[in-house]
Amino acid sequence: MNLELVEKIKSNPKYHELVSKRNSFSLKLSLFVLAMFYSYILVIAFDKELLATKIGDGVMTYAFPVGAAIIIISFITTLIYVNRANGEFEDLTNDIKKQAMGGK
């Protein structure tokens, strides 16, 4: 890649906007997912009885649906990120490419 093109891209305000928005959004989603996982592990570590409580008369405990919900929510957060990446972030990327190649 030629250095002039790199400098054009780095000096573009939309590039800085893209980097800022993308990093902020991914950090928020990552912290949310990590908080869920670590909360689950901390509950297991410090209050085993809470998640070991049986649901109804069966053998299932609260641990299984809570764990399944965490996994499902993790997939949903991934879908949210992909949706935004393919929308807003992709539009910004295309604008940056056009401006770097000389288009307006």
PDB file of N, CA and C in Angstrom:
ATOM      1  N   MET A   1       0.849  -1.174   0.000  1.00  0.00           N
ATOM      2  CA  MET A   1       0.000   0.000   0.000  1.00  0.00           C
ATOM      3  C   MET A   1       0.892   1.233   0.000  1.00  0.00           C
ATOM      4  N   ASN A   2       0.514   2.219  -0.770  1.00  0.00           N
ATOM      5  CA  ASN A   2       1.387   3.388  -0.852  1.00  0.00           C
ATOM      6  C   ASN A   2       1.139   4.339   0.316  1.00  0.00           C
ATOM      7  N   LEU A   3       2.208   4.978   0.747  1.00  0.00           N
ATOM      8  CA  LEU A   3       2.166   5.806   1.964  1.00  0.00           C
ATOM      9  C   LEU A   3       1.276   7.035   1.804  1.00  0.00           C
ATOM     10  N   GLU A   4       1.177   7.548   0.600  1.00  0.00           N
ATOM     11  CA  GLU A   4       0.316   8.711   0.361  1.00  0.00           C
ATOM     12  C   GLU A   4      -1.146   8.361   0.615  1.00  0.00           C
ATOM     13  N   LEU A   5      -1.553   7.180   0.157  1.00  0.00           N
ATOM     14  CA  LEU A   5      -2.927   6.722   0.375  1.00  0.00           C
ATOM     15  C   LEU A   5      -3.192   6.500   1.867  1.00  0.00           C
ATOM     16  N   VAL A   6      -2.213   5.949   2.548  1.00  0.00           N
ATOM     17  CA  VAL A   6      -2.348   5.724   3.998  1.00  0.00           C
ATOM     18  C   VAL A   6      -2.534   7.054   4.714  1.00  0.00           C
ATOM     19  N   GLU A   7      -1.769   8.040   4.347  1.00  0.00           N
ATOM     20  CA  GLU A   7      -1.875   9.365   4.978  1.00  0.00           C
ATOM     21  C   GLU A   7      -3.216  10.024   4.671  1.00  0.00           C
ATOM     22  N   LYS A   8      -3.728   9.848   3.436  1.00  0.00           N
ATOM     23  CA  LYS A   8      -5.054  10.385   3.088  1.00  0.00           C
ATOM     24  C   LYS A   8      -6.122   9.780   3.990  1.00  0.00           C
ATOM     25  N   ILE A   9      -6.023   8.471   4.164  1.00  0.00           N
ATOM     26  CA  ILE A   9      -7.018   7.769   4.988  1.00  0.00           C
ATOM     27  C   ILE A   9      -6.903   8.206   6.443  1.00  0.00           C
ATOM     28  N   LYS A  10      -5.688   8.265   6.964  1.00  0.00           N
ATOM     29  CA  LYS A  10      -5.490   8.651   8.364  1.00  0.00           C
ATOM     30  C   LYS A  10      -5.911  10.081   8.650  1.00  0.00           C
ATOM     31  N   SER A  11      -5.824  10.946   7.661  1.00  0.00           N
ATOM     32  CA  SER A  11      -6.192  12.352   7.877  1.00  0.00           C
ATOM     33  C   SER A  11      -7.681  12.607   7.652  1.00  0.00           C
ATOM     34  N   ASN A  12      -8.399  11.610   7.188  1.00  0.00           N
ATOM     35  CA  ASN A  12      -9.831  11.754   6.933  1.00  0.00           C
ATOM     36  C   ASN A  12     -10.600  11.744   8.254  1.00  0.00           C
ATOM     37  N   PRO A  13     -11.430  12.763   8.515  1.00  0.00           N
ATOM     38  CA  PRO A  13     -12.201  12.779   9.773  1.00  0.00           C
ATOM     39  C   PRO A  13     -13.178  11.606   9.893  1.00  0.00           C
ATOM     40  N   LYS A  14     -13.658  11.110   8.759  1.00  0.00           N
ATOM     41  CA  LYS A  14     -14.580   9.966   8.802  1.00  0.00           C
ATOM     42  C   LYS A  14     -13.859   8.703   9.271  1.00  0.00           C
ATOM     43  N   TYR A  15     -12.570   8.605   8.973  1.00  0.00           N
ATOM     44  CA  TYR A  15     -11.784   7.470   9.448  1.00  0.00           C
ATOM     45  C   TYR A  15     -11.713   7.485  10.973  1.00  0.00           C
ATOM     46  N   HIS A  16     -11.462   8.641  11.533  1.00  0.00           N
ATOM     47  CA  HIS A  16     -11.397   8.759  12.992  1.00  0.00           C
ATOM     48  C   HIS A  16     -12.764   8.506  13.623  1.00  0.00           C
ATOM     49  N   GLU A  17     -13.811   8.953  12.942  1.00  0.00           N
ATOM     50  CA  GLU A  17     -15.173   8.685  13.418  1.00  0.00           C
ATOM     51  C   GLU A  17     -15.445   7.184  13.407  1.00  0.00           C
ATOM     52  N   LEU A  18     -15.064   6.514  12.317  1.00  0.00           N
ATOM     53  CA  LEU A  18     -15.259   5.067  12.204  1.00  0.00           C
ATOM     54  C   LEU A  18     -14.519   4.322  13.308  1.00  0.00           C
ATOM     55  N   VAL A  19     -13.257   4.639  13.497  1.00  0.00           N
ATOM     56  CA  VAL A  19     -12.451   3.958  14.519  1.00  0.00           C
ATOM     57  C   VAL A  19     -13.041   4.190  15.908  1.00  0.00           C
ATOM     58  N   SER A  20     -13.420   5.421  16.172  1.00  0.00           N
ATOM     59  CA  SER A  20     -13.975   5.762  17.481  1.00  0.00           C
ATOM     60  C   SER A  20     -15.293   5.025  17.742  1.00  0.00           C
ATOM     61  N   LYS A  21     -16.212   5.089  16.777  1.00  0.00           N
ATOM     62  CA  LYS A  21     -17.511   4.426  16.952  1.00  0.00           C
ATOM     63  C   LYS A  21     -17.365   2.920  17.074  1.00  0.00           C
ATOM     64  N   ARG A  22     -16.538   2.338  16.205  1.00  0.00           N
ATOM     65  CA  ARG A  22     -16.369   0.888  16.206  1.00  0.00           C
ATOM     66  C   ARG A  22     -15.744   0.412  17.512  1.00  0.00           C
ATOM     67  N   ASN A  23     -14.698   1.090  17.968  1.00  0.00           N
ATOM     68  CA  ASN A  23     -14.048   0.686  19.218  1.00  0.00           C
ATOM     69  C   ASN A  23     -14.977   0.848  20.418  1.00  0.00           C
ATOM     70  N   SER A  24     -15.699   1.951  20.460  1.00  0.00           N
ATOM     71  CA  SER A  24     -16.614   2.197  21.567  1.00  0.00           C
ATOM     72  C   SER A  24     -17.720   1.150  21.619  1.00  0.00           C
ATOM     73  N   PHE A  25     -18.310   0.880  20.466  1.00  0.00           N
ATOM     74  CA  PHE A  25     -19.409  -0.080  20.407  1.00  0.00           C
ATOM     75  C   PHE A  25     -18.941  -1.490  20.761  1.00  0.00           C
ATOM     76  N   SER A  26     -17.812  -1.913  20.198  1.00  0.00           N
ATOM     77  CA  SER A  26     -17.322  -3.265  20.476  1.00  0.00           C
ATOM     78  C   SER A  26     -16.894  -3.403  21.936  1.00  0.00           C
ATOM     79  N   LEU A  27     -16.341  -2.354  22.516  1.00  0.00           N
ATOM     80  CA  LEU A  27     -15.956  -2.405  23.928  1.00  0.00           C
ATOM     81  C   LEU A  27     -17.188  -2.556  24.826  1.00  0.00           C
ATOM     82  N   LYS A  28     -18.242  -1.801  24.523  1.00  0.00           N
ATOM     83  CA  LYS A  28     -19.471  -1.905  25.323  1.00  0.00           C
ATOM     84  C   LYS A  28     -20.068  -3.310  25.241  1.00  0.00           C
ATOM     85  N   LEU A  29     -20.156  -3.858  24.030  1.00  0.00           N
ATOM     86  CA  LEU A  29     -20.714  -5.202  23.885  1.00  0.00           C
ATOM     87  C   LEU A  29     -19.835  -6.242  24.573  1.00  0.00           C
ATOM     88  N   SER A  30     -18.526  -6.094  24.445  1.00  0.00           N
ATOM     89  CA  SER A  30     -17.603  -7.046  25.073  1.00  0.00           C
ATOM     90  C   SER A  30     -17.724  -7.020  26.596  1.00  0.00           C
ATOM     91  N   LEU A  31     -17.777  -5.833  27.153  1.00  0.00           N
ATOM     92  CA  LEU A  31     -17.910  -5.715  28.609  1.00  0.00           C
ATOM     93  C   LEU A  31     -19.237  -6.298  29.092  1.00  0.00           C
ATOM     94  N   PHE A  32     -20.288  -6.092  28.331  1.00  0.00           N
ATOM     95  CA  PHE A  32     -21.593  -6.648  28.680  1.00  0.00           C
ATOM     96  C   PHE A  32     -21.537  -8.174  28.731  1.00  0.00           C
ATOM     97  N   VAL A  33     -20.973  -8.785  27.686  1.00  0.00           N
ATOM     98  CA  VAL A  33     -20.888 -10.245  27.625  1.00  0.00           C
ATOM     99  C   VAL A  33     -19.963 -10.782  28.729  1.00  0.00           C
ATOM    100  N   LEU A  34     -18.823 -10.142  28.923  1.00  0.00           N
ATOM    101  CA  LEU A  34     -17.913 -10.583  29.982  1.00  0.00           C
ATOM    102  C   LEU A  34     -18.547 -10.465  31.360  1.00  0.00           C
ATOM    103  N   ALA A  35     -19.300  -9.397  31.578  1.00  0.00           N
ATOM    104  CA  ALA A  35     -19.982  -9.237  32.865  1.00  0.00           C
ATOM    105  C   ALA A  35     -20.975 -10.368  33.104  1.00  0.00           C
ATOM    106  N   MET A  36     -21.693 -10.761  32.044  1.00  0.00           N
ATOM    107  CA  MET A  36     -22.633 -11.881  32.181  1.00  0.00           C
ATOM    108  C   MET A  36     -21.908 -13.173  32.551  1.00  0.00           C
ATOM    109  N   PHE A  37     -20.858 -13.494  31.788  1.00  0.00           N
ATOM    110  CA  PHE A  37     -20.120 -14.733  32.045  1.00  0.00           C
ATOM    111  C   PHE A  37     -19.505 -14.740  33.436  1.00  0.00           C
ATOM    112  N   TYR A  38     -18.839 -13.654  33.798  1.00  0.00           N
ATOM    113  CA  TYR A  38     -18.188 -13.621  35.113  1.00  0.00           C
ATOM    114  C   TYR A  38     -19.201 -13.611  36.248  1.00  0.00           C
ATOM    115  N   SER A  39     -20.336 -12.965  36.057  1.00  0.00           N
ATOM    116  CA  SER A  39     -21.389 -12.993  37.088  1.00  0.00           C
ATOM    117  C   SER A  39     -21.870 -14.418  37.324  1.00  0.00           C
ATOM    118  N   TYR A  40     -22.058 -15.137  36.236  1.00  0.00           N
ATOM    119  CA  TYR A  40     -22.498 -16.530  36.333  1.00  0.00           C
ATOM    120  C   TYR A  40     -21.472 -17.360  37.102  1.00  0.00           C
ATOM    121  N   ILE A  41     -20.212 -17.200  36.754  1.00  0.00           N
ATOM    122  CA  ILE A  41     -19.149 -17.953  37.428  1.00  0.00           C
ATOM    123  C   ILE A  41     -19.041 -17.546  38.896  1.00  0.00           C
ATOM    124  N   LEU A  42     -19.179 -16.264  39.185  1.00  0.00           N
ATOM    125  CA  LEU A  42     -19.109 -15.807  40.576  1.00  0.00           C
ATOM    126  C   LEU A  42     -20.274 -16.338  41.406  1.00  0.00           C
ATOM    127  N   VAL A  43     -21.455 -16.412  40.806  1.00  0.00           N
ATOM    128  CA  VAL A  43     -22.598 -16.987  41.532  1.00  0.00           C
ATOM    129  C   VAL A  43     -22.326 -18.458  41.814  1.00  0.00           C
ATOM    130  N   ILE A  44     -21.770 -19.165  40.848  1.00  0.00           N
ATOM    131  CA  ILE A  44     -21.429 -20.577  41.070  1.00  0.00           C
ATOM    132  C   ILE A  44     -20.382 -20.704  42.183  1.00  0.00           C
ATOM    133  N   ALA A  45     -19.424 -19.802  42.185  1.00  0.00           N
ATOM    134  CA  ALA A  45     -18.343 -19.886  43.168  1.00  0.00           C
ATOM    135  C   ALA A  45     -18.794 -19.543  44.585  1.00  0.00           C
ATOM    136  N   PHE A  46     -19.666 -18.545  44.713  1.00  0.00           N
ATOM    137  CA  PHE A  46     -19.985 -18.042  46.051  1.00  0.00           C
ATOM    138  C   PHE A  46     -21.381 -18.390  46.561  1.00  0.00           C
ATOM    139  N   ASP A  47     -22.272 -18.827  45.681  1.00  0.00           N
ATOM    140  CA  ASP A  47     -23.620 -19.184  46.129  1.00  0.00           C
ATOM    141  C   ASP A  47     -24.141 -20.347  45.293  1.00  0.00           C
ATOM    142  N   LYS A  48     -23.535 -21.503  45.472  1.00  0.00           N
ATOM    143  CA  LYS A  48     -23.880 -22.688  44.678  1.00  0.00           C
ATOM    144  C   LYS A  48     -25.355 -23.062  44.802  1.00  0.00           C
ATOM    145  N   GLU A  49     -25.887 -22.857  45.975  1.00  0.00           N
ATOM    146  CA  GLU A  49     -27.272 -23.267  46.218  1.00  0.00           C
ATOM    147  C   GLU A  49     -28.269 -22.487  45.364  1.00  0.00           C
ATOM    148  N   LEU A  50     -27.950 -21.251  45.040  1.00  0.00           N
ATOM    149  CA  LEU A  50     -28.869 -20.428  44.254  1.00  0.00           C
ATOM    150  C   LEU A  50     -29.147 -21.064  42.894  1.00  0.00           C
ATOM    151  N   LEU A  51     -28.110 -21.429  42.177  1.00  0.00           N
ATOM    152  CA  LEU A  51     -28.295 -22.037  40.859  1.00  0.00           C
ATOM    153  C   LEU A  51     -28.584 -23.535  40.949  1.00  0.00           C
ATOM    154  N   ALA A  52     -28.339 -24.144  42.093  1.00  0.00           N
ATOM    155  CA  ALA A  52     -28.614 -25.573  42.271  1.00  0.00           C
ATOM    156  C   ALA A  52     -30.060 -25.840  42.662  1.00  0.00           C
ATOM    157  N   THR A  53     -30.836 -24.788  42.879  1.00  0.00           N
ATOM    158  CA  THR A  53     -32.241 -24.949  43.242  1.00  0.00           C
ATOM    159  C   THR A  53     -33.003 -25.596  42.094  1.00  0.00           C
ATOM    160  N   LYS A  54     -33.758 -26.641  42.416  1.00  0.00           N
ATOM    161  CA  LYS A  54     -34.511 -27.363  41.382  1.00  0.00           C
ATOM    162  C   LYS A  54     -35.720 -26.560  40.936  1.00  0.00           C
ATOM    163  N   ILE A  55     -36.039 -26.724  39.662  1.00  0.00           N
ATOM    164  CA  ILE A  55     -37.214 -26.075  39.078  1.00  0.00           C
ATOM    165  C   ILE A  55     -38.347 -27.098  39.095  1.00  0.00           C
ATOM    166  N   GLY A  56     -39.413 -26.791  39.795  1.00  0.00           N
ATOM    167  CA  GLY A  56     -40.557 -27.698  39.865  1.00  0.00           C
ATOM    168  C   GLY A  56     -40.195 -29.018  40.523  1.00  0.00           C
ATOM    169  N   ASP A  57     -40.823 -30.107  40.044  1.00  0.00           N
ATOM    170  CA  ASP A  57     -40.586 -31.435  40.607  1.00  0.00           C
ATOM    171  C   ASP A  57     -39.523 -32.209  39.836  1.00  0.00           C
ATOM    172  N   GLY A  58     -39.025 -31.643  38.760  1.00  0.00           N
ATOM    173  CA  GLY A  58     -38.054 -32.339  37.913  1.00  0.00           C
ATOM    174  C   GLY A  58     -36.649 -32.298  38.467  1.00  0.00           C
ATOM    175  N   VAL A  59     -35.709 -32.657  37.606  1.00  0.00           N
ATOM    176  CA  VAL A  59     -34.316 -32.684  38.005  1.00  0.00           C
ATOM    177  C   VAL A  59     -33.549 -31.451  37.524  1.00  0.00           C
ATOM    178  N   MET A  60     -34.187 -30.624  36.706  1.00  0.00           N
ATOM    179  CA  MET A  60     -33.503 -29.453  36.185  1.00  0.00           C
ATOM    180  C   MET A  60     -33.369 -28.380  37.252  1.00  0.00           C
ATOM    181  N   THR A  61     -32.195 -27.732  37.255  1.00  0.00           N
ATOM    182  CA  THR A  61     -31.940 -26.643  38.185  1.00  0.00           C
ATOM    183  C   THR A  61     -31.942 -25.321  37.416  1.00  0.00           C
ATOM    184  N   TYR A  62     -31.862 -24.223  38.145  1.00  0.00           N
ATOM    185  CA  TYR A  62     -31.821 -22.898  37.520  1.00  0.00           C
ATOM    186  C   TYR A  62     -30.546 -22.681  36.706  1.00  0.00           C
ATOM    187  N   ALA A  63     -29.517 -23.453  36.980  1.00  0.00           N
ATOM    188  CA  ALA A  63     -28.234 -23.263  36.300  1.00  0.00           C
ATOM    189  C   ALA A  63     -28.356 -23.465  34.792  1.00  0.00           C
ATOM    190  N   PHE A  64     -29.130 -24.456  34.367  1.00  0.00           N
ATOM    191  CA  PHE A  64     -29.223 -24.730  32.933  1.00  0.00           C
ATOM    192  C   PHE A  64     -29.899 -23.609  32.159  1.00  0.00           C
ATOM    193  N   PRO A  65     -31.104 -23.148  32.538  1.00  0.00           N
ATOM    194  CA  PRO A  65     -31.712 -22.066  31.748  1.00  0.00           C
ATOM    195  C   PRO A  65     -30.926 -20.757  31.815  1.00  0.00           C
ATOM    196  N   VAL A  66     -30.299 -20.481  32.946  1.00  0.00           N
ATOM    197  CA  VAL A  66     -29.492 -19.257  33.045  1.00  0.00           C
ATOM    198  C   VAL A  66     -28.274 -19.365  32.126  1.00  0.00           C
ATOM    199  N   GLY A  67     -27.607 -20.523  32.142  1.00  0.00           N
ATOM    200  CA  GLY A  67     -26.459 -20.738  31.256  1.00  0.00           C
ATOM    201  C   GLY A  67     -26.853 -20.681  29.793  1.00  0.00           C
ATOM    202  N   ALA A  68     -27.986 -21.294  29.455  1.00  0.00           N
ATOM    203  CA  ALA A  68     -28.469 -21.253  28.067  1.00  0.00           C
ATOM    204  C   ALA A  68     -28.805 -19.823  27.657  1.00  0.00           C
ATOM    205  N   ALA A  69     -29.398 -19.056  28.562  1.00  0.00           N
ATOM    206  CA  ALA A  69     -29.732 -17.661  28.257  1.00  0.00           C
ATOM    207  C   ALA A  69     -28.475 -16.840  28.002  1.00  0.00           C
ATOM    208  N   ILE A  70     -27.426 -17.093  28.774  1.00  0.00           N
ATOM    209  CA  ILE A  70     -26.163 -16.375  28.571  1.00  0.00           C
ATOM    210  C   ILE A  70     -25.604 -16.663  27.186  1.00  0.00           C
ATOM    211  N   ILE A  71     -25.640 -17.915  26.763  1.00  0.00           N
ATOM    212  CA  ILE A  71     -25.134 -18.280  25.438  1.00  0.00           C
ATOM    213  C   ILE A  71     -25.983 -17.644  24.347  1.00  0.00           C
ATOM    214  N   ILE A  72     -27.296 -17.668  24.499  1.00  0.00           N
ATOM    215  CA  ILE A  72     -28.190 -17.068  23.507  1.00  0.00           C
ATOM    216  C   ILE A  72     -27.975 -15.561  23.429  1.00  0.00           C
ATOM    217  N   ILE A  73     -27.844 -14.904  24.575  1.00  0.00           N
ATOM    218  CA  ILE A  73     -27.600 -13.461  24.591  1.00  0.00           C
ATOM    219  C   ILE A  73     -26.253 -13.136  23.939  1.00  0.00           C
ATOM    220  N   SER A  74     -25.266 -14.015  24.111  1.00  0.00           N
ATOM    221  CA  SER A  74     -23.969 -13.811  23.461  1.00  0.00           C
ATOM    222  C   SER A  74     -24.109 -13.855  21.937  1.00  0.00           C
ATOM    223  N   PHE A  75     -24.893 -14.793  21.430  1.00  0.00           N
ATOM    224  CA  PHE A  75     -25.157 -14.846  19.989  1.00  0.00           C
ATOM    225  C   PHE A  75     -25.885 -13.595  19.520  1.00  0.00           C
ATOM    226  N   ILE A  76     -26.836 -13.132  20.312  1.00  0.00           N
ATOM    227  CA  ILE A  76     -27.595 -11.935  19.947  1.00  0.00           C
ATOM    228  C   ILE A  76     -26.684 -10.709  19.894  1.00  0.00           C
ATOM    229  N   THR A  77     -25.769 -10.581  20.848  1.00  0.00           N
ATOM    230  CA  THR A  77     -24.848  -9.443  20.811  1.00  0.00           C
ATOM    231  C   THR A  77     -23.938  -9.517  19.585  1.00  0.00           C
ATOM    232  N   THR A  78     -23.563 -10.725  19.189  1.00  0.00           N
ATOM    233  CA  THR A  78     -22.777 -10.882  17.960  1.00  0.00           C
ATOM    234  C   THR A  78     -23.590 -10.436  16.755  1.00  0.00           C
ATOM    235  N   LEU A  79     -24.849 -10.822  16.703  1.00  0.00           N
ATOM    236  CA  LEU A  79     -25.719 -10.405  15.598  1.00  0.00           C
ATOM    237  C   LEU A  79     -25.897  -8.886  15.569  1.00  0.00           C
ATOM    238  N   ILE A  80     -26.010  -8.283  16.732  1.00  0.00           N
ATOM    239  CA  ILE A  80     -26.136  -6.827  16.806  1.00  0.00           C
ATOM    240  C   ILE A  80     -24.888  -6.162  16.240  1.00  0.00           C
ATOM    241  N   TYR A  81     -23.717  -6.672  16.606  1.00  0.00           N
ATOM    242  CA  TYR A  81     -22.473  -6.091  16.102  1.00  0.00           C
ATOM    243  C   TYR A  81     -22.367  -6.278  14.584  1.00  0.00           C
ATOM    244  N   VAL A  82     -22.664  -7.466  14.099  1.00  0.00           N
ATOM    245  CA  VAL A  82     -22.575  -7.740  12.658  1.00  0.00           C
ATOM    246  C   VAL A  82     -23.548  -6.848  11.892  1.00  0.00           C
ATOM    247  N   ASN A  83     -24.740  -6.665  12.422  1.00  0.00           N
ATOM    248  CA  ASN A  83     -25.726  -5.809  11.773  1.00  0.00           C
ATOM    249  C   ASN A  83     -25.219  -4.371  11.663  1.00  0.00           C
ATOM    250  N   ARG A  84     -24.655  -3.867  12.731  1.00  0.00           N
ATOM    251  CA  ARG A  84     -24.132  -2.499  12.710  1.00  0.00           C
ATOM    252  C   ARG A  84     -22.886  -2.395  11.830  1.00  0.00           C
ATOM    253  N   ALA A  85     -22.053  -3.433  11.853  1.00  0.00           N
ATOM    254  CA  ALA A  85     -20.843  -3.435  11.027  1.00  0.00           C
ATOM    255  C   ALA A  85     -21.204  -3.440   9.547  1.00  0.00           C
ATOM    256  N   ASN A  86     -22.232  -4.197   9.180  1.00  0.00           N
ATOM    257  CA  ASN A  86     -22.649  -4.260   7.784  1.00  0.00           C
ATOM    258  C   ASN A  86     -23.479  -3.056   7.358  1.00  0.00           C
ATOM    259  N   GLY A  87     -23.895  -2.250   8.301  1.00  0.00           N
ATOM    260  CA  GLY A  87     -24.675  -1.052   7.995  1.00  0.00           C
ATOM    261  C   GLY A  87     -23.838   0.197   8.131  1.00  0.00           C
ATOM    262  N   GLU A  88     -23.869   0.763   9.300  1.00  0.00           N
ATOM    263  CA  GLU A  88     -23.211   2.046   9.565  1.00  0.00           C
ATOM    264  C   GLU A  88     -21.701   2.002   9.317  1.00  0.00           C
ATOM    265  N   PHE A  89     -21.031   0.982   9.840  1.00  0.00           N
ATOM    266  CA  PHE A  89     -19.574   0.923   9.703  1.00  0.00           C
ATOM    267  C   PHE A  89     -19.158   0.701   8.249  1.00  0.00           C
ATOM    268  N   GLU A  90     -19.926  -0.105   7.524  1.00  0.00           N
ATOM    269  CA  GLU A  90     -19.622  -0.352   6.113  1.00  0.00           C
ATOM    270  C   GLU A  90     -19.824   0.911   5.284  1.00  0.00           C
ATOM    271  N   ASP A  91     -20.877   1.673   5.588  1.00  0.00           N
ATOM    272  CA  ASP A  91     -21.114   2.936   4.884  1.00  0.00           C
ATOM    273  C   ASP A  91     -19.965   3.917   5.103  1.00  0.00           C
ATOM    274  N   LEU A  92     -19.512   4.032   6.347  1.00  0.00           N
ATOM    275  CA  LEU A  92     -18.377   4.905   6.636  1.00  0.00           C
ATOM    276  C   LEU A  92     -17.121   4.438   5.913  1.00  0.00           C
ATOM    277  N   THR A  93     -16.898   3.131   5.890  1.00  0.00           N
ATOM    278  CA  THR A  93     -15.732   2.575   5.207  1.00  0.00           C
ATOM    279  C   THR A  93     -15.775   2.892   3.718  1.00  0.00           C
ATOM    280  N   ASN A  94     -16.938   2.739   3.101  1.00  0.00           N
ATOM    281  CA  ASN A  94     -17.076   3.044   1.677  1.00  0.00           C
ATOM    282  C   ASN A  94     -16.856   4.525   1.392  1.00  0.00           C
ATOM    283  N   ASP A  95     -17.349   5.398   2.264  1.00  0.00           N
ATOM    284  CA  ASP A  95     -17.110   6.837   2.104  1.00  0.00           C
ATOM    285  C   ASP A  95     -15.622   7.157   2.189  1.00  0.00           C
ATOM    286  N   ILE A  96     -14.942   6.518   3.120  1.00  0.00           N
ATOM    287  CA  ILE A  96     -13.501   6.733   3.288  1.00  0.00           C
ATOM    288  C   ILE A  96     -12.752   6.276   2.036  1.00  0.00           C
ATOM    289  N   LYS A  97     -13.144   5.115   1.505  1.00  0.00           N
ATOM    290  CA  LYS A  97     -12.507   4.605   0.287  1.00  0.00           C
ATOM    291  C   LYS A  97     -12.703   5.566  -0.881  1.00  0.00           C
ATOM    292  N   LYS A  98     -13.944   6.053  -1.059  1.00  0.00           N
ATOM    293  CA  LYS A  98     -14.222   6.984  -2.163  1.00  0.00           C
ATOM    294  C   LYS A  98     -13.385   8.243  -2.039  1.00  0.00           C
ATOM    295  N   GLN A  99     -13.341   8.808  -0.844  1.00  0.00           N
ATOM    296  CA  GLN A  99     -12.578  10.045  -0.645  1.00  0.00           C
ATOM    297  C   GLN A  99     -11.075   9.818  -0.828  1.00  0.00           C
ATOM    298  N   ALA A 100     -10.593   8.651  -0.423  1.00  0.00           N
ATOM    299  CA  ALA A 100      -9.166   8.372  -0.555  1.00  0.00           C
ATOM    300  C   ALA A 100      -8.775   8.175  -2.017  1.00  0.00           C
ATOM    301  N   MET A 101      -9.705   7.667  -2.814  1.00  0.00           N
ATOM    302  CA  MET A 101      -9.410   7.451  -4.240  1.00  0.00           C
ATOM    303  C   MET A 101      -9.697   8.674  -5.097  1.00  0.00           C
ATOM    304  N   GLY A 102     -10.138   9.748  -4.465  1.00  0.00           N
ATOM    305  CA  GLY A 102     -10.328  10.993  -5.209  1.00  0.00           C
ATOM    306  C   GLY A 102     -11.776  11.336  -5.476  1.00  0.00           C
ATOM    307  N   GLY A 103     -12.698  10.466  -5.176  1.00  0.00           N
ATOM    308  CA  GLY A 103     -14.114  10.773  -5.377  1.00  0.00           C
ATOM    309  C   GLY A 103     -14.672  11.578  -4.228  1.00  0.00           C
ATOM    310  N   LYS A 104     -15.814  12.152  -4.410  1.00  0.00           N
ATOM    311  CA  LYS A 104     -16.448  12.923  -3.346  1.00  0.00           C
ATOM    312  C   LYS A 104     -17.638  12.209  -2.842  1.00  0.00           C
TER     313      LYS A 104
END
